[in-house]
Amino acid sequence: MNTSFSSILDRAAQSSDRPTADAMVTALQQAEITARREKLVIPFESLLGEWRLCFATGASKDKQHGGIKLGRGYYLPKFTPASIAFTRDLESSTGTATNRLLVAGGQVQFTGPCRYPGKKNLLIFDFTEIQLKVFGLTIYQGKIRSGKGSGQDFEKLSISKLPFFAFFWAGTNGIAACGRGGGLALWVRDELSS
């Protein structure tokens, strides 16, 4: 898929010459519409690895027109990296999702099961554990009460009860998805894990 939105997303994923926030929101919307229209299938393998959150939009309900209204969007600074990582269990559609935020020598990490059934490029996840570190030293690790399920229970839970990302673009250096709340995001290949 070599289109204008693809080149904008690629450019944002691999350079410091980043497109404007408006151009990114437009490119993400175009990529999402195109993926839906063309019934794009993104293999689970394309999502595996660690990805740093590069750009995100918020979303709110649009009461006047119905549906969702996207926020302006913003780039996240590299000095406070937020990342997500997906691993896969041996040749299955299940695995582990890890969400990590680093701030001023501290790290908050959420981990839990994920599954990628292949329908609509949905990656369903549930964070069930939290870990807090300060300067590399674990100060807390435990279960999260809000986790809906773990292990065998997770695989039986309905998509309607769990958070998910609907992926609509996967390039060599980046992936993009819509979250359950309607916001759009671009993650880039984490240089530290490459």
N, C-alpha and C. Protein backbone atom coordinates (compact mmCIF):
# COMPACT_ATOMS: atom_id res chain seq x y z
N MET A 1 0.85 -1.17 0.00
CA MET A 1 0.00 0.00 0.00
C MET A 1 0.90 1.24 0.00
N ASN A 2 1.20 1.80 -1.13
CA ASN A 2 2.07 2.95 -1.24
C ASN A 2 1.23 4.18 -1.58
N THR A 3 0.60 4.77 -0.58
CA THR A 3 -0.26 5.91 -0.78
C THR A 3 0.28 7.10 0.00
N SER A 4 -0.32 8.26 -0.17
CA SER A 4 0.18 9.46 0.51
C SER A 4 0.11 9.32 2.03
N PHE A 5 -0.98 8.73 2.56
CA PHE A 5 -1.04 8.57 4.01
C PHE A 5 0.05 7.63 4.50
N SER A 6 0.37 6.61 3.71
CA SER A 6 1.43 5.68 4.09
C SER A 6 2.78 6.39 4.18
N SER A 7 3.06 7.25 3.23
CA SER A 7 4.35 7.97 3.26
C SER A 7 4.42 8.93 4.43
N ILE A 8 3.29 9.54 4.81
CA ILE A 8 3.27 10.43 5.97
C ILE A 8 3.51 9.63 7.25
N LEU A 9 2.84 8.48 7.39
CA LEU A 9 3.03 7.65 8.58
C LEU A 9 4.44 7.09 8.64
N ASP A 10 4.97 6.67 7.50
CA ASP A 10 6.36 6.19 7.45
C ASP A 10 7.33 7.29 7.87
N ARG A 11 7.10 8.49 7.37
CA ARG A 11 7.98 9.62 7.69
C ARG A 11 7.95 9.91 9.19
N ALA A 12 6.77 9.89 9.79
CA ALA A 12 6.65 10.13 11.23
C ALA A 12 7.34 9.03 12.03
N ALA A 13 7.30 7.80 11.50
CA ALA A 13 7.87 6.66 12.21
C ALA A 13 9.38 6.58 12.13
N GLN A 14 9.99 7.22 11.15
CA GLN A 14 11.43 7.01 11.00
C GLN A 14 12.28 8.26 10.94
N SER A 15 11.73 9.44 11.19
CA SER A 15 12.58 10.62 11.11
C SER A 15 12.22 11.67 12.12
N SER A 16 13.11 12.65 12.24
CA SER A 16 12.84 13.78 13.12
C SER A 16 12.13 14.89 12.34
N ASP A 17 12.04 14.75 11.02
CA ASP A 17 11.32 15.69 10.17
C ASP A 17 9.86 15.25 10.14
N ARG A 18 9.18 15.51 11.26
CA ARG A 18 7.84 14.96 11.44
C ARG A 18 6.77 15.81 10.74
N PRO A 19 5.75 15.17 10.23
CA PRO A 19 4.61 15.89 9.65
C PRO A 19 3.89 16.67 10.76
N THR A 20 3.10 17.65 10.38
CA THR A 20 2.33 18.42 11.36
C THR A 20 1.28 17.52 12.01
N ALA A 21 0.78 17.96 13.16
CA ALA A 21 -0.26 17.20 13.86
C ALA A 21 -1.50 17.05 12.98
N ASP A 22 -1.89 18.12 12.27
CA ASP A 22 -3.06 18.05 11.39
C ASP A 22 -2.85 17.02 10.28
N ALA A 23 -1.64 17.01 9.69
CA ALA A 23 -1.34 16.04 8.62
C ALA A 23 -1.38 14.62 9.17
N MET A 24 -0.92 14.44 10.41
CA MET A 24 -0.94 13.10 11.02
C MET A 24 -2.36 12.62 11.27
N VAL A 25 -3.21 13.49 11.80
CA VAL A 25 -4.60 13.09 12.06
C VAL A 25 -5.27 12.70 10.76
N THR A 26 -5.07 13.51 9.71
CA THR A 26 -5.66 13.21 8.40
C THR A 26 -5.14 11.89 7.85
N ALA A 27 -3.82 11.67 7.95
CA ALA A 27 -3.21 10.43 7.44
C ALA A 27 -3.74 9.22 8.20
N LEU A 28 -3.86 9.33 9.51
CA LEU A 28 -4.38 8.21 10.31
C LEU A 28 -5.83 7.91 9.93
N GLN A 29 -6.64 8.95 9.76
CA GLN A 29 -8.03 8.75 9.36
C GLN A 29 -8.12 8.09 7.98
N GLN A 30 -7.30 8.56 7.04
CA GLN A 30 -7.30 7.97 5.69
C GLN A 30 -6.86 6.51 5.72
N ALA A 31 -5.85 6.22 6.52
CA ALA A 31 -5.37 4.83 6.63
C ALA A 31 -6.46 3.94 7.21
N GLU A 32 -7.17 4.43 8.22
CA GLU A 32 -8.23 3.64 8.84
C GLU A 32 -9.38 3.38 7.86
N ILE A 33 -9.80 4.41 7.14
CA ILE A 33 -10.88 4.26 6.16
C ILE A 33 -10.48 3.30 5.04
N THR A 34 -9.24 3.44 4.54
CA THR A 34 -8.75 2.57 3.47
C THR A 34 -8.67 1.12 3.93
N ALA A 35 -8.17 0.89 5.13
CA ALA A 35 -8.05 -0.48 5.65
C ALA A 35 -9.42 -1.13 5.77
N ARG A 36 -10.39 -0.36 6.22
CA ARG A 36 -11.75 -0.89 6.37
C ARG A 36 -12.36 -1.19 5.00
N ARG A 37 -12.21 -0.25 4.07
CA ARG A 37 -12.79 -0.41 2.74
C ARG A 37 -12.16 -1.59 1.99
N GLU A 38 -10.84 -1.74 2.09
CA GLU A 38 -10.13 -2.80 1.38
C GLU A 38 -10.05 -4.10 2.18
N LYS A 39 -10.66 -4.11 3.38
CA LYS A 39 -10.64 -5.29 4.25
C LYS A 39 -9.20 -5.80 4.46
N LEU A 40 -8.32 -4.85 4.77
CA LEU A 40 -6.91 -5.15 4.99
C LEU A 40 -6.74 -6.14 6.14
N VAL A 41 -5.92 -7.15 5.92
CA VAL A 41 -5.61 -8.13 6.96
C VAL A 41 -4.17 -7.90 7.41
N ILE A 42 -4.00 -7.64 8.69
CA ILE A 42 -2.66 -7.45 9.26
C ILE A 42 -2.33 -8.68 10.07
N PRO A 43 -1.28 -9.42 9.70
CA PRO A 43 -0.93 -10.63 10.46
C PRO A 43 -0.39 -10.27 11.85
N PHE A 44 -0.64 -11.14 12.81
CA PHE A 44 -0.18 -10.94 14.19
C PHE A 44 1.33 -10.69 14.23
N GLU A 45 2.07 -11.36 13.37
CA GLU A 45 3.53 -11.21 13.34
C GLU A 45 3.96 -9.76 13.13
N SER A 46 3.16 -8.99 12.39
CA SER A 46 3.50 -7.60 12.11
C SER A 46 3.42 -6.72 13.35
N LEU A 47 2.74 -7.19 14.39
CA LEU A 47 2.55 -6.40 15.60
C LEU A 47 3.52 -6.77 16.71
N LEU A 48 4.19 -7.90 16.56
CA LEU A 48 5.06 -8.40 17.63
C LEU A 48 6.28 -7.50 17.80
N GLY A 49 6.73 -7.38 19.04
CA GLY A 49 7.89 -6.55 19.36
C GLY A 49 7.50 -5.41 20.27
N GLU A 50 8.44 -4.50 20.47
CA GLU A 50 8.19 -3.35 21.33
C GLU A 50 8.08 -2.10 20.48
N TRP A 51 7.08 -1.28 20.80
CA TRP A 51 6.75 -0.09 20.03
C TRP A 51 6.61 1.11 20.96
N ARG A 52 7.27 2.21 20.61
CA ARG A 52 7.17 3.44 21.39
C ARG A 52 6.03 4.29 20.85
N LEU A 53 5.17 4.78 21.74
CA LEU A 53 4.07 5.63 21.32
C LEU A 53 4.64 6.94 20.79
N CYS A 54 4.31 7.26 19.55
CA CYS A 54 4.85 8.43 18.87
C CYS A 54 3.81 9.55 18.78
N PHE A 55 2.59 9.19 18.41
CA PHE A 55 1.56 10.19 18.16
C PHE A 55 0.21 9.63 18.59
N ALA A 56 -0.63 10.48 19.19
CA ALA A 56 -1.95 10.02 19.63
C ALA A 56 -2.97 11.15 19.52
N THR A 57 -4.21 10.76 19.32
CA THR A 57 -5.33 11.70 19.37
C THR A 57 -6.27 11.24 20.48
N GLY A 58 -6.91 12.17 21.08
CA GLY A 58 -7.98 11.82 21.99
C GLY A 58 -9.27 11.72 21.18
N ALA A 59 -10.32 11.31 21.81
CA ALA A 59 -11.62 11.25 21.14
C ALA A 59 -12.70 11.56 22.16
N SER A 60 -13.76 12.19 21.69
CA SER A 60 -14.90 12.47 22.55
C SER A 60 -16.17 12.22 21.75
N LYS A 61 -17.26 12.03 22.46
CA LYS A 61 -18.53 11.82 21.77
C LYS A 61 -18.98 13.13 21.14
N ASP A 62 -19.43 13.05 19.90
CA ASP A 62 -19.93 14.20 19.17
C ASP A 62 -21.46 14.15 19.23
N LYS A 63 -22.02 14.86 20.21
CA LYS A 63 -23.48 14.80 20.43
C LYS A 63 -24.25 15.42 19.28
N GLN A 64 -23.68 16.45 18.65
CA GLN A 64 -24.37 17.15 17.57
C GLN A 64 -24.53 16.28 16.32
N HIS A 65 -23.46 15.56 15.94
CA HIS A 65 -23.48 14.75 14.72
C HIS A 65 -23.54 13.25 14.99
N GLY A 66 -23.48 12.88 16.25
CA GLY A 66 -23.42 11.46 16.58
C GLY A 66 -22.03 10.91 16.28
N GLY A 67 -21.64 9.88 16.92
CA GLY A 67 -20.33 9.28 16.66
C GLY A 67 -19.24 9.88 17.53
N ILE A 68 -18.02 9.88 16.98
CA ILE A 68 -16.83 10.27 17.71
C ILE A 68 -16.19 11.50 17.05
N LYS A 69 -15.68 12.40 17.88
CA LYS A 69 -14.94 13.56 17.38
C LYS A 69 -13.50 13.41 17.87
N LEU A 70 -12.55 13.44 16.93
CA LEU A 70 -11.14 13.30 17.28
C LEU A 70 -10.57 14.62 17.79
N GLY A 71 -9.64 14.50 18.72
CA GLY A 71 -8.90 15.67 19.19
C GLY A 71 -7.83 16.04 18.16
N ARG A 72 -7.10 17.12 18.42
CA ARG A 72 -6.08 17.61 17.48
C ARG A 72 -4.94 16.62 17.28
N GLY A 73 -4.57 15.93 18.30
CA GLY A 73 -3.45 15.00 18.21
C GLY A 73 -2.16 15.66 18.65
N TYR A 74 -1.22 14.86 19.11
CA TYR A 74 0.04 15.39 19.61
C TYR A 74 1.12 14.32 19.53
N TYR A 75 2.36 14.78 19.39
CA TYR A 75 3.52 13.89 19.45
C TYR A 75 3.94 13.76 20.90
N LEU A 76 4.33 12.55 21.28
CA LEU A 76 4.85 12.34 22.63
C LEU A 76 6.36 12.56 22.62
N PRO A 77 6.89 13.25 23.63
CA PRO A 77 8.34 13.49 23.66
C PRO A 77 9.10 12.19 23.93
N LYS A 78 10.28 12.07 23.31
CA LYS A 78 11.08 10.86 23.49
C LYS A 78 11.60 10.71 24.91
N PHE A 79 11.72 11.83 25.64
CA PHE A 79 12.29 11.74 26.99
C PHE A 79 11.30 11.20 28.03
N THR A 80 10.03 11.08 27.71
CA THR A 80 9.07 10.38 28.58
C THR A 80 8.40 9.29 27.78
N PRO A 81 9.16 8.27 27.40
CA PRO A 81 8.61 7.26 26.50
C PRO A 81 7.51 6.40 27.13
N ALA A 82 6.50 6.20 26.32
CA ALA A 82 5.44 5.25 26.63
C ALA A 82 5.55 4.19 25.54
N SER A 83 5.53 2.94 25.92
CA SER A 83 5.66 1.90 24.91
C SER A 83 4.68 0.78 25.17
N ILE A 84 4.46 0.02 24.12
CA ILE A 84 3.64 -1.18 24.23
C ILE A 84 4.40 -2.30 23.54
N ALA A 85 4.30 -3.49 24.08
CA ALA A 85 4.98 -4.64 23.49
C ALA A 85 4.00 -5.80 23.42
N PHE A 86 4.10 -6.54 22.34
CA PHE A 86 3.28 -7.73 22.16
C PHE A 86 4.19 -8.92 21.90
N THR A 87 3.97 -9.99 22.64
CA THR A 87 4.66 -11.25 22.39
C THR A 87 3.58 -12.28 22.09
N ARG A 88 4.00 -13.35 21.46
CA ARG A 88 3.05 -14.38 21.04
C ARG A 88 3.44 -15.72 21.63
N ASP A 89 2.44 -16.44 22.11
CA ASP A 89 2.68 -17.80 22.56
C ASP A 89 2.94 -18.65 21.32
N LEU A 90 3.62 -19.74 21.47
CA LEU A 90 4.02 -20.58 20.34
C LEU A 90 2.90 -20.80 19.32
N GLU A 91 3.09 -20.23 18.13
CA GLU A 91 2.20 -20.45 16.98
C GLU A 91 0.71 -20.40 17.32
N SER A 92 0.32 -19.44 18.18
CA SER A 92 -1.09 -19.31 18.51
C SER A 92 -1.53 -17.87 18.29
N SER A 93 -2.77 -17.59 18.57
CA SER A 93 -3.28 -16.22 18.43
C SER A 93 -3.34 -15.54 19.80
N THR A 94 -2.68 -16.12 20.80
CA THR A 94 -2.64 -15.52 22.13
C THR A 94 -1.21 -15.13 22.48
N GLY A 95 -1.10 -14.27 23.47
CA GLY A 95 0.23 -13.83 23.89
C GLY A 95 0.13 -12.93 25.10
N THR A 96 1.09 -12.01 25.20
CA THR A 96 1.17 -11.08 26.32
C THR A 96 1.31 -9.66 25.79
N ALA A 97 0.59 -8.74 26.43
CA ALA A 97 0.71 -7.31 26.14
C ALA A 97 1.34 -6.63 27.34
N THR A 98 2.29 -5.73 27.07
CA THR A 98 2.95 -4.98 28.13
C THR A 98 2.92 -3.51 27.77
N ASN A 99 2.44 -2.69 28.68
CA ASN A 99 2.38 -1.24 28.48
C ASN A 99 3.30 -0.62 29.51
N ARG A 100 4.24 0.23 29.07
CA ARG A 100 5.26 0.76 29.96
C ARG A 100 5.36 2.27 29.79
N LEU A 101 5.47 2.99 30.91
CA LEU A 101 5.67 4.43 30.90
C LEU A 101 6.87 4.74 31.77
N LEU A 102 7.84 5.47 31.20
CA LEU A 102 9.05 5.87 31.93
C LEU A 102 8.96 7.37 32.21
N VAL A 103 9.13 7.74 33.48
CA VAL A 103 9.10 9.16 33.86
C VAL A 103 10.13 9.40 34.95
N ALA A 104 11.08 10.27 34.67
CA ALA A 104 12.06 10.74 35.68
C ALA A 104 12.62 9.63 36.56
N GLY A 105 13.20 8.62 35.97
CA GLY A 105 13.81 7.53 36.73
C GLY A 105 12.84 6.49 37.25
N GLY A 106 11.55 6.70 37.01
CA GLY A 106 10.55 5.74 37.44
C GLY A 106 9.93 5.04 36.24
N GLN A 107 9.38 3.86 36.50
CA GLN A 107 8.72 3.09 35.44
C GLN A 107 7.46 2.44 36.00
N VAL A 108 6.37 2.61 35.26
CA VAL A 108 5.12 1.93 35.57
C VAL A 108 4.88 0.96 34.43
N GLN A 109 4.66 -0.30 34.76
CA GLN A 109 4.45 -1.31 33.72
C GLN A 109 3.21 -2.13 34.03
N PHE A 110 2.33 -2.24 33.02
CA PHE A 110 1.14 -3.07 33.10
C PHE A 110 1.33 -4.25 32.16
N THR A 111 0.99 -5.45 32.62
CA THR A 111 1.15 -6.66 31.81
C THR A 111 -0.10 -7.53 31.92
N GLY A 112 -0.40 -8.22 30.84
CA GLY A 112 -1.53 -9.14 30.87
C GLY A 112 -1.66 -9.90 29.56
N PRO A 113 -2.64 -10.77 29.50
CA PRO A 113 -2.83 -11.58 28.29
C PRO A 113 -3.41 -10.75 27.15
N CYS A 114 -3.14 -11.22 25.93
CA CYS A 114 -3.76 -10.62 24.74
C CYS A 114 -4.11 -11.76 23.78
N ARG A 115 -5.03 -11.45 22.88
CA ARG A 115 -5.35 -12.41 21.82
C ARG A 115 -5.65 -11.63 20.55
N TYR A 116 -5.35 -12.27 19.45
CA TYR A 116 -5.51 -11.65 18.14
C TYR A 116 -6.26 -12.62 17.25
N PRO A 117 -7.60 -12.62 17.33
CA PRO A 117 -8.37 -13.60 16.58
C PRO A 117 -8.34 -13.41 15.07
N GLY A 118 -7.83 -12.26 14.61
CA GLY A 118 -7.73 -12.04 13.17
C GLY A 118 -8.90 -11.28 12.58
N LYS A 119 -10.03 -11.29 13.23
CA LYS A 119 -11.20 -10.57 12.71
C LYS A 119 -11.02 -9.08 12.93
N LYS A 120 -11.14 -8.31 11.86
CA LYS A 120 -11.06 -6.85 11.90
C LYS A 120 -9.76 -6.34 12.51
N ASN A 121 -8.72 -7.14 12.52
CA ASN A 121 -7.41 -6.76 13.06
C ASN A 121 -7.49 -6.30 14.52
N LEU A 122 -8.39 -6.92 15.29
CA LEU A 122 -8.55 -6.55 16.69
C LEU A 122 -7.55 -7.30 17.56
N LEU A 123 -6.83 -6.54 18.38
CA LEU A 123 -5.97 -7.13 19.39
C LEU A 123 -6.64 -6.82 20.73
N ILE A 124 -7.13 -7.87 21.37
CA ILE A 124 -7.87 -7.75 22.63
C ILE A 124 -6.88 -8.02 23.75
N PHE A 125 -6.95 -7.21 24.81
CA PHE A 125 -5.99 -7.39 25.90
C PHE A 125 -6.67 -7.12 27.24
N ASP A 126 -5.98 -7.48 28.31
CA ASP A 126 -6.47 -7.22 29.65
C ASP A 126 -5.26 -7.14 30.57
N PHE A 127 -4.99 -5.95 31.09
CA PHE A 127 -3.86 -5.80 32.01
C PHE A 127 -4.26 -6.33 33.38
N THR A 128 -3.52 -7.31 33.85
CA THR A 128 -3.84 -7.99 35.11
C THR A 128 -2.76 -7.82 36.17
N GLU A 129 -1.59 -7.28 35.78
CA GLU A 129 -0.49 -7.10 36.74
C GLU A 129 0.13 -5.73 36.56
N ILE A 130 0.65 -5.18 37.66
CA ILE A 130 1.34 -3.89 37.64
C ILE A 130 2.69 -4.05 38.32
N GLN A 131 3.66 -3.29 37.83
CA GLN A 131 4.98 -3.27 38.44
C GLN A 131 5.46 -1.82 38.46
N LEU A 132 5.94 -1.37 39.61
CA LEU A 132 6.49 -0.03 39.75
C LEU A 132 7.97 -0.14 40.06
N LYS A 133 8.79 0.61 39.32
CA LYS A 133 10.23 0.61 39.55
C LYS A 133 10.71 2.05 39.70
N VAL A 134 11.71 2.23 40.56
CA VAL A 134 12.38 3.52 40.69
C VAL A 134 13.87 3.25 40.54
N PHE A 135 14.47 3.89 39.55
CA PHE A 135 15.89 3.69 39.22
C PHE A 135 16.26 2.21 39.12
N GLY A 136 15.38 1.45 38.46
CA GLY A 136 15.64 0.03 38.19
C GLY A 136 15.29 -0.90 39.33
N LEU A 137 14.91 -0.37 40.48
CA LEU A 137 14.59 -1.18 41.65
C LEU A 137 13.07 -1.35 41.76
N THR A 138 12.58 -2.59 41.79
CA THR A 138 11.15 -2.84 41.89
C THR A 138 10.68 -2.49 43.30
N ILE A 139 9.72 -1.54 43.38
CA ILE A 139 9.19 -1.16 44.68
C ILE A 139 7.79 -1.73 44.93
N TYR A 140 7.12 -2.16 43.86
CA TYR A 140 5.82 -2.81 44.00
C TYR A 140 5.55 -3.68 42.79
N GLN A 141 4.97 -4.84 43.04
CA GLN A 141 4.53 -5.71 41.97
C GLN A 141 3.33 -6.48 42.48
N GLY A 142 2.23 -6.46 41.70
CA GLY A 142 1.05 -7.17 42.15
C GLY A 142 -0.02 -7.25 41.09
N LYS A 143 -1.13 -7.85 41.47
CA LYS A 143 -2.28 -8.03 40.58
C LYS A 143 -3.09 -6.74 40.54
N ILE A 144 -3.78 -6.54 39.42
CA ILE A 144 -4.67 -5.39 39.27
C ILE A 144 -6.09 -5.88 39.45
N ARG A 145 -6.80 -5.23 40.29
CA ARG A 145 -8.20 -5.60 40.56
C ARG A 145 -9.07 -5.42 39.33
N SER A 146 -8.77 -4.40 38.48
CA SER A 146 -9.62 -4.11 37.33
C SER A 146 -9.48 -5.13 36.20
N GLY A 147 -8.45 -5.98 36.27
CA GLY A 147 -8.31 -7.00 35.24
C GLY A 147 -9.54 -7.88 35.19
N LYS A 148 -10.11 -8.07 34.02
CA LYS A 148 -11.36 -8.84 33.90
C LYS A 148 -11.14 -10.34 34.02
N GLY A 149 -9.95 -10.78 33.65
CA GLY A 149 -9.71 -12.22 33.71
C GLY A 149 -8.27 -12.53 33.41
N SER A 150 -7.88 -13.71 33.71
CA SER A 150 -6.53 -14.13 33.38
C SER A 150 -6.55 -15.60 33.02
N GLY A 151 -5.51 -16.01 32.35
CA GLY A 151 -5.40 -17.42 31.99
C GLY A 151 -6.56 -17.88 31.12
N GLN A 152 -7.17 -18.99 31.49
CA GLN A 152 -8.26 -19.58 30.72
C GLN A 152 -9.49 -18.67 30.68
N ASP A 153 -9.77 -17.94 31.77
CA ASP A 153 -10.93 -17.05 31.80
C ASP A 153 -10.84 -15.99 30.71
N PHE A 154 -9.67 -15.45 30.49
CA PHE A 154 -9.48 -14.39 29.50
C PHE A 154 -9.93 -14.83 28.11
N GLU A 155 -9.59 -16.04 27.73
CA GLU A 155 -9.93 -16.53 26.39
C GLU A 155 -11.44 -16.69 26.20
N LYS A 156 -12.18 -16.81 27.28
CA LYS A 156 -13.62 -17.00 27.18
C LYS A 156 -14.39 -15.67 27.22
N LEU A 157 -13.74 -14.59 27.67
CA LEU A 157 -14.42 -13.31 27.80
C LEU A 157 -14.76 -12.71 26.44
N SER A 158 -15.91 -12.08 26.37
CA SER A 158 -16.37 -11.43 25.15
C SER A 158 -15.56 -10.17 24.87
N ILE A 159 -15.39 -9.86 23.58
CA ILE A 159 -14.70 -8.64 23.18
C ILE A 159 -15.38 -7.42 23.79
N SER A 160 -16.67 -7.46 23.95
CA SER A 160 -17.41 -6.31 24.47
C SER A 160 -17.03 -5.99 25.92
N LYS A 161 -16.39 -6.92 26.62
CA LYS A 161 -16.02 -6.70 28.01
C LYS A 161 -14.55 -6.32 28.18
N LEU A 162 -13.79 -6.24 27.09
CA LEU A 162 -12.35 -6.03 27.19
C LEU A 162 -11.88 -4.84 26.34
N PRO A 163 -10.75 -4.22 26.74
CA PRO A 163 -10.17 -3.19 25.89
C PRO A 163 -9.55 -3.83 24.64
N PHE A 164 -9.43 -3.04 23.58
CA PHE A 164 -8.82 -3.56 22.35
C PHE A 164 -8.22 -2.43 21.53
N PHE A 165 -7.38 -2.81 20.59
CA PHE A 165 -6.90 -1.93 19.53
C PHE A 165 -7.34 -2.55 18.21
N ALA A 166 -7.88 -1.72 17.34
CA ALA A 166 -8.22 -2.15 15.98
C ALA A 166 -7.12 -1.61 15.07
N PHE A 167 -6.18 -2.46 14.70
CA PHE A 167 -5.04 -2.02 13.88
C PHE A 167 -5.47 -1.82 12.44
N PHE A 168 -4.98 -0.75 11.82
CA PHE A 168 -5.33 -0.45 10.44
C PHE A 168 -4.12 -0.13 9.58
N TRP A 169 -2.93 -0.10 10.16
CA TRP A 169 -1.72 0.13 9.37
C TRP A 169 -0.54 -0.53 10.06
N ALA A 170 0.30 -1.19 9.28
CA ALA A 170 1.52 -1.80 9.80
C ALA A 170 2.61 -1.63 8.76
N GLY A 171 3.60 -0.83 9.10
CA GLY A 171 4.76 -0.64 8.23
C GLY A 171 5.97 -1.27 8.88
N THR A 172 7.11 -1.17 8.25
CA THR A 172 8.34 -1.73 8.81
C THR A 172 8.70 -1.08 10.12
N ASN A 173 8.50 0.25 10.21
CA ASN A 173 8.92 0.99 11.39
C ASN A 173 7.78 1.47 12.28
N GLY A 174 6.53 1.16 11.94
CA GLY A 174 5.44 1.65 12.75
C GLY A 174 4.16 0.87 12.58
N ILE A 175 3.26 1.03 13.56
CA ILE A 175 1.93 0.43 13.53
C ILE A 175 0.94 1.49 14.00
N ALA A 176 -0.29 1.42 13.50
CA ALA A 176 -1.31 2.38 13.89
C ALA A 176 -2.62 1.66 14.18
N ALA A 177 -3.36 2.21 15.16
CA ALA A 177 -4.61 1.57 15.57
C ALA A 177 -5.57 2.60 16.13
N CYS A 178 -6.81 2.16 16.21
CA CYS A 178 -7.88 2.90 16.88
C CYS A 178 -8.17 2.17 18.18
N GLY A 179 -8.27 2.90 19.27
CA GLY A 179 -8.59 2.28 20.56
C GLY A 179 -10.09 2.14 20.75
N ARG A 180 -10.47 1.47 21.78
CA ARG A 180 -11.88 1.25 22.08
C ARG A 180 -12.65 2.56 22.19
N GLY A 181 -12.02 3.61 22.71
CA GLY A 181 -12.67 4.91 22.88
C GLY A 181 -12.71 5.75 21.62
N GLY A 182 -12.07 5.28 20.53
CA GLY A 182 -12.11 6.00 19.26
C GLY A 182 -10.88 6.81 18.93
N GLY A 183 -9.96 6.97 19.88
CA GLY A 183 -8.72 7.69 19.60
C GLY A 183 -7.82 6.90 18.68
N LEU A 184 -6.96 7.61 17.94
CA LEU A 184 -6.02 6.98 17.01
C LEU A 184 -4.61 7.15 17.54
N ALA A 185 -3.73 6.18 17.22
CA ALA A 185 -2.36 6.25 17.70
C ALA A 185 -1.40 5.63 16.69
N LEU A 186 -0.18 6.16 16.69
CA LEU A 186 0.93 5.62 15.90
C LEU A 186 2.04 5.26 16.87
N TRP A 187 2.49 4.03 16.80
CA TRP A 187 3.65 3.57 17.56
C TRP A 187 4.79 3.33 16.58
N VAL A 188 6.01 3.58 17.03
CA VAL A 188 7.18 3.35 16.18
C VAL A 188 8.06 2.29 16.81
N ARG A 189 8.83 1.63 15.94
CA ARG A 189 9.72 0.57 16.41
C ARG A 189 10.64 1.15 17.47
N ASP A 190 10.70 0.54 18.64
CA ASP A 190 11.54 1.04 19.72
C ASP A 190 12.99 0.74 19.40
N GLU A 191 13.79 1.80 19.32
CA GLU A 191 15.21 1.64 18.97
C GLU A 191 15.95 0.77 19.99
N LEU A 192 15.50 0.80 21.26
CA LEU A 192 16.18 0.04 22.30
C LEU A 192 15.99 -1.46 22.14
N SER A 193 14.89 -1.87 21.52
CA SER A 193 14.64 -3.32 21.39
C SER A 193 14.99 -3.84 20.01
N SER A 194 15.40 -2.96 19.11
CA SER A 194 15.73 -3.39 17.73
C SER A 194 17.10 -3.99 17.65
